[in-house]
N, C-alpha and C. Protein backbone atom coordinates (compact mmCIF):
# COMPACT_ATOMS: atom_id res chain seq x y z
N MET A 1 -40.83 -13.59 -43.19
CA MET A 1 -41.51 -14.17 -41.80
C MET A 1 -40.63 -15.52 -41.40
N VAL A 2 -40.54 -16.36 -41.83
CA VAL A 2 -39.93 -17.22 -41.84
C VAL A 2 -38.49 -16.78 -41.25
N CYS A 3 -37.89 -16.25 -42.29
CA CYS A 3 -36.06 -15.18 -42.18
C CYS A 3 -36.61 -15.10 -40.12
N GLN A 4 -38.07 -14.45 -40.24
CA GLN A 4 -37.59 -13.40 -38.64
C GLN A 4 -37.94 -14.63 -37.79
N ILE A 5 -38.50 -16.08 -37.92
CA ILE A 5 -38.30 -16.97 -37.00
C ILE A 5 -37.16 -18.09 -36.90
N LEU A 6 -36.37 -18.02 -38.40
CA LEU A 6 -35.16 -18.61 -38.09
C LEU A 6 -33.58 -17.89 -38.07
N SER A 7 -33.52 -17.33 -38.10
CA SER A 7 -32.68 -15.71 -37.69
C SER A 7 -32.42 -16.38 -35.87
N PRO A 8 -33.78 -15.82 -35.08
CA PRO A 8 -32.67 -16.01 -33.76
C PRO A 8 -32.43 -17.95 -33.18
N LEU A 9 -33.08 -18.61 -34.00
CA LEU A 9 -32.88 -19.93 -33.64
C LEU A 9 -31.42 -20.52 -34.41
N ILE A 10 -30.97 -19.66 -35.31
CA ILE A 10 -29.95 -19.59 -36.03
C ILE A 10 -28.92 -19.48 -34.70
N PHE A 11 -28.43 -17.78 -34.70
CA PHE A 11 -27.69 -17.22 -34.15
C PHE A 11 -27.86 -17.29 -32.85
N ASN A 12 -28.91 -17.69 -32.17
CA ASN A 12 -28.87 -17.75 -30.54
C ASN A 12 -29.13 -19.45 -30.24
N MET A 13 -29.74 -19.67 -31.13
CA MET A 13 -30.05 -21.36 -30.52
C MET A 13 -28.53 -22.71 -30.27
N LEU A 14 -28.25 -22.27 -32.26
CA LEU A 14 -26.56 -23.22 -32.09
C LEU A 14 -25.76 -22.46 -31.40
N PRO A 15 -25.46 -21.75 -31.15
CA PRO A 15 -24.30 -21.25 -29.87
C PRO A 15 -24.49 -22.08 -28.50
N LEU A 16 -25.56 -21.80 -28.59
CA LEU A 16 -25.99 -22.18 -27.12
C LEU A 16 -26.06 -23.93 -26.45
N VAL A 17 -26.57 -24.19 -27.96
CA VAL A 17 -26.88 -26.03 -27.96
C VAL A 17 -25.07 -26.07 -27.67
N TYR A 18 -24.39 -25.75 -28.86
CA TYR A 18 -22.78 -26.14 -28.84
C TYR A 18 -22.41 -25.81 -27.05
N ILE A 19 -22.52 -24.72 -26.45
CA ILE A 19 -22.17 -24.55 -25.60
C ILE A 19 -21.93 -25.53 -24.23
N VAL A 20 -23.16 -26.01 -24.64
CA VAL A 20 -23.95 -26.96 -23.31
C VAL A 20 -23.68 -28.11 -23.72
N THR A 21 -23.56 -28.88 -25.13
CA THR A 21 -23.26 -30.00 -25.05
C THR A 21 -21.71 -30.29 -25.07
N THR A 22 -20.92 -29.28 -25.17
CA THR A 22 -19.28 -29.06 -25.25
C THR A 22 -19.39 -29.20 -23.50
N LEU A 23 -20.35 -28.78 -22.47
CA LEU A 23 -19.98 -28.81 -21.19
C LEU A 23 -20.63 -30.28 -20.61
N PHE A 24 -21.07 -30.38 -21.05
CA PHE A 24 -21.77 -31.97 -20.48
C PHE A 24 -20.92 -32.48 -20.90
N LEU A 25 -19.95 -32.74 -22.42
CA LEU A 25 -19.33 -33.89 -23.15
C LEU A 25 -17.84 -33.84 -22.43
N GLY A 26 -17.31 -32.32 -22.14
CA GLY A 26 -16.22 -32.01 -22.03
C GLY A 26 -15.16 -32.39 -23.12
N VAL A 27 -15.66 -31.54 -24.46
CA VAL A 27 -14.99 -31.86 -25.84
C VAL A 27 -14.89 -30.32 -26.32
N SER A 28 -14.26 -29.96 -26.51
CA SER A 28 -14.67 -29.09 -27.38
C SER A 28 -13.42 -28.65 -28.44
N ASP A 29 -13.55 -27.62 -28.62
CA ASP A 29 -13.14 -27.64 -30.37
C ASP A 29 -12.99 -25.95 -30.42
N PRO A 30 -11.49 -25.45 -30.30
CA PRO A 30 -11.96 -24.00 -30.01
C PRO A 30 -12.31 -22.95 -31.49
N ARG A 31 -11.67 -23.74 -32.55
CA ARG A 31 -11.82 -22.97 -33.95
C ARG A 31 -13.62 -22.63 -34.28
N LEU A 32 -14.53 -23.75 -33.88
CA LEU A 32 -15.15 -23.82 -33.69
C LEU A 32 -16.32 -23.21 -32.70
N SER A 33 -15.97 -23.26 -31.62
CA SER A 33 -16.19 -22.65 -31.00
C SER A 33 -15.97 -21.17 -31.10
N ILE A 34 -15.33 -20.23 -31.19
CA ILE A 34 -15.27 -18.92 -32.00
C ILE A 34 -16.13 -18.33 -32.79
N VAL A 35 -16.50 -19.38 -33.78
CA VAL A 35 -17.05 -19.30 -35.43
C VAL A 35 -18.92 -18.99 -34.32
N LEU A 36 -18.64 -19.93 -33.84
CA LEU A 36 -20.05 -19.97 -33.00
C LEU A 36 -20.55 -19.35 -32.30
N ASN A 37 -19.71 -18.38 -31.99
CA ASN A 37 -19.98 -17.44 -30.68
C ASN A 37 -19.97 -16.50 -31.32
N LEU A 38 -19.02 -15.96 -32.62
CA LEU A 38 -19.62 -14.97 -33.21
C LEU A 38 -20.97 -14.77 -33.75
N GLY A 39 -21.71 -15.75 -33.85
CA GLY A 39 -22.54 -15.62 -34.01
C GLY A 39 -23.84 -14.95 -33.29
N PHE A 40 -23.35 -14.58 -31.65
CA PHE A 40 -24.26 -13.63 -30.77
C PHE A 40 -23.77 -12.53 -30.82
N SER A 41 -22.69 -11.84 -31.98
CA SER A 41 -22.46 -10.31 -32.33
C SER A 41 -23.29 -10.43 -33.19
N TRP A 42 -23.87 -11.35 -34.11
CA TRP A 42 -24.43 -10.74 -35.49
C TRP A 42 -25.88 -10.63 -35.20
N ILE A 43 -26.55 -11.09 -33.67
CA ILE A 43 -28.16 -10.93 -33.49
C ILE A 43 -28.37 -9.54 -33.54
N PRO A 44 -28.14 -8.59 -33.35
CA PRO A 44 -28.56 -7.12 -33.48
C PRO A 44 -28.95 -6.84 -34.93
N PHE A 45 -27.80 -7.01 -35.50
CA PHE A 45 -27.44 -6.91 -37.22
C PHE A 45 -28.93 -7.88 -37.81
N ILE A 46 -28.93 -9.22 -37.59
CA ILE A 46 -30.08 -9.92 -38.40
C ILE A 46 -31.73 -9.41 -37.77
N ASN A 47 -31.95 -9.06 -36.99
CA ASN A 47 -33.15 -9.47 -35.92
C ASN A 47 -33.78 -7.16 -36.90
N SER A 48 -32.86 -6.92 -36.97
CA SER A 48 -33.13 -5.42 -37.51
C SER A 48 -32.63 -5.65 -38.57
N PHE A 49 -32.60 -6.32 -39.44
CA PHE A 49 -32.31 -5.82 -41.09
C PHE A 49 -33.46 -7.12 -41.49
N THR A 50 -34.39 -7.98 -40.78
CA THR A 50 -35.16 -9.20 -40.94
C THR A 50 -36.29 -8.68 -41.12
N THR A 51 -36.29 -6.83 -40.04
CA THR A 51 -37.24 -6.26 -39.32
C THR A 51 -37.67 -5.40 -40.59
N ILE A 52 -36.41 -4.46 -41.00
CA ILE A 52 -36.51 -3.37 -42.46
C ILE A 52 -37.13 -4.40 -43.22
N TYR A 53 -36.13 -5.30 -43.55
CA TYR A 53 -36.41 -6.12 -45.05
C TYR A 53 -37.99 -6.63 -45.54
N PHE A 54 -38.57 -7.70 -44.53
CA PHE A 54 -39.81 -7.99 -44.72
C PHE A 54 -41.23 -6.84 -44.00
N VAL A 55 -40.69 -6.21 -43.37
CA VAL A 55 -41.94 -5.56 -43.13
C VAL A 55 -41.97 -4.37 -43.60
N LEU A 56 -43.09 -3.92 -44.35
CA LEU A 56 -43.08 -2.76 -45.36
C LEU A 56 -43.16 -1.64 -45.12
N PRO A 57 -44.22 -1.17 -43.93
CA PRO A 57 -43.76 0.43 -43.61
C PRO A 57 -42.41 0.81 -43.18
N TYR A 58 -41.38 -0.43 -42.34
CA TYR A 58 -40.22 -0.19 -42.23
C TYR A 58 -39.06 -0.12 -43.24
N LYS A 59 -39.35 -1.21 -44.60
CA LYS A 59 -38.53 -1.34 -45.82
C LYS A 59 -39.01 0.04 -46.37
N GLN A 60 -40.03 0.91 -46.86
CA GLN A 60 -40.26 1.87 -47.26
C GLN A 60 -39.86 3.37 -46.57
N GLY A 61 -39.48 3.11 -44.84
CA GLY A 61 -39.39 4.72 -44.06
C GLY A 61 -37.02 4.17 -44.14
N ALA A 62 -37.19 3.33 -44.74
CA ALA A 62 -35.84 2.88 -44.96
C ALA A 62 -35.04 3.50 -45.99
N LYS A 63 -35.96 3.35 -47.22
CA LYS A 63 -35.35 3.29 -48.35
C LYS A 63 -35.90 4.89 -48.46
N GLU A 64 -36.46 5.50 -47.42
CA GLU A 64 -36.81 7.22 -47.94
C GLU A 64 -35.64 7.61 -46.78
N ILE A 65 -35.35 6.81 -46.21
CA ILE A 65 -33.93 7.42 -45.51
C ILE A 65 -32.57 7.14 -46.04
N LEU A 66 -32.57 6.60 -46.72
CA LEU A 66 -31.09 5.73 -47.52
C LEU A 66 -31.37 6.85 -48.78
N PHE A 67 -32.18 6.95 -49.70
CA PHE A 67 -32.51 7.68 -51.22
C PHE A 67 -32.73 8.45 -51.00
N GLY A 68 -33.39 9.05 -50.03
CA GLY A 68 -33.85 10.29 -49.88
C GLY A 68 -35.00 10.88 -50.64
N LYS A 69 -35.74 11.81 -50.55
CA LYS A 69 -36.26 12.40 -51.85
C LYS A 69 -35.67 13.91 -52.75
N CYS A 70 -34.57 13.78 -51.59
CA CYS A 70 -33.31 15.11 -52.55
C CYS A 70 -33.05 14.15 -53.95
N PHE A 71 -33.23 12.73 -53.66
CA PHE A 71 -32.94 12.44 -55.09
C PHE A 71 -33.82 12.46 -56.36
N ASN A 72 -35.12 12.42 -55.99
CA ASN A 72 -36.52 12.05 -56.57
C ASN A 72 -36.04 13.57 -57.80
N ALA A 73 -36.29 13.05 -59.05
CA ALA A 73 -36.31 14.34 -60.27
C ALA A 73 -37.27 14.90 -60.16
N ASN A 74 -38.27 14.14 -60.04
CA ASN A 74 -39.94 14.48 -60.31
C ASN A 74 -40.14 15.48 -59.35
N GLU A 75 -39.34 15.58 -58.24
CA GLU A 75 -39.79 16.64 -57.46
C GLU A 75 -39.36 17.91 -58.18
N THR A 76 -40.81 18.84 -57.79
CA THR A 76 -40.65 19.88 -57.92
C THR A 76 -40.70 21.18 -56.64
N ARG A 77 -40.03 22.33 -56.34
CA ARG A 77 -39.88 23.16 -55.51
C ARG A 77 -41.08 24.10 -55.77
């Protein structure tokens, strides 16, 4: 739950704060801008990953999809 709260703060707010700060101060570092703005592209991945990892029904569903029942040796047909 904490990761679901912190991930938007890290990947959304940190780059936005940097952009606004550099606009007001008129100073920027291109390398840091690139690294921080890459955080925007990670938003969908981090959001879905934290949901799948921390919400039990989604976690069970993902395990079933990834590992499937076809790999279950105890299942009889």
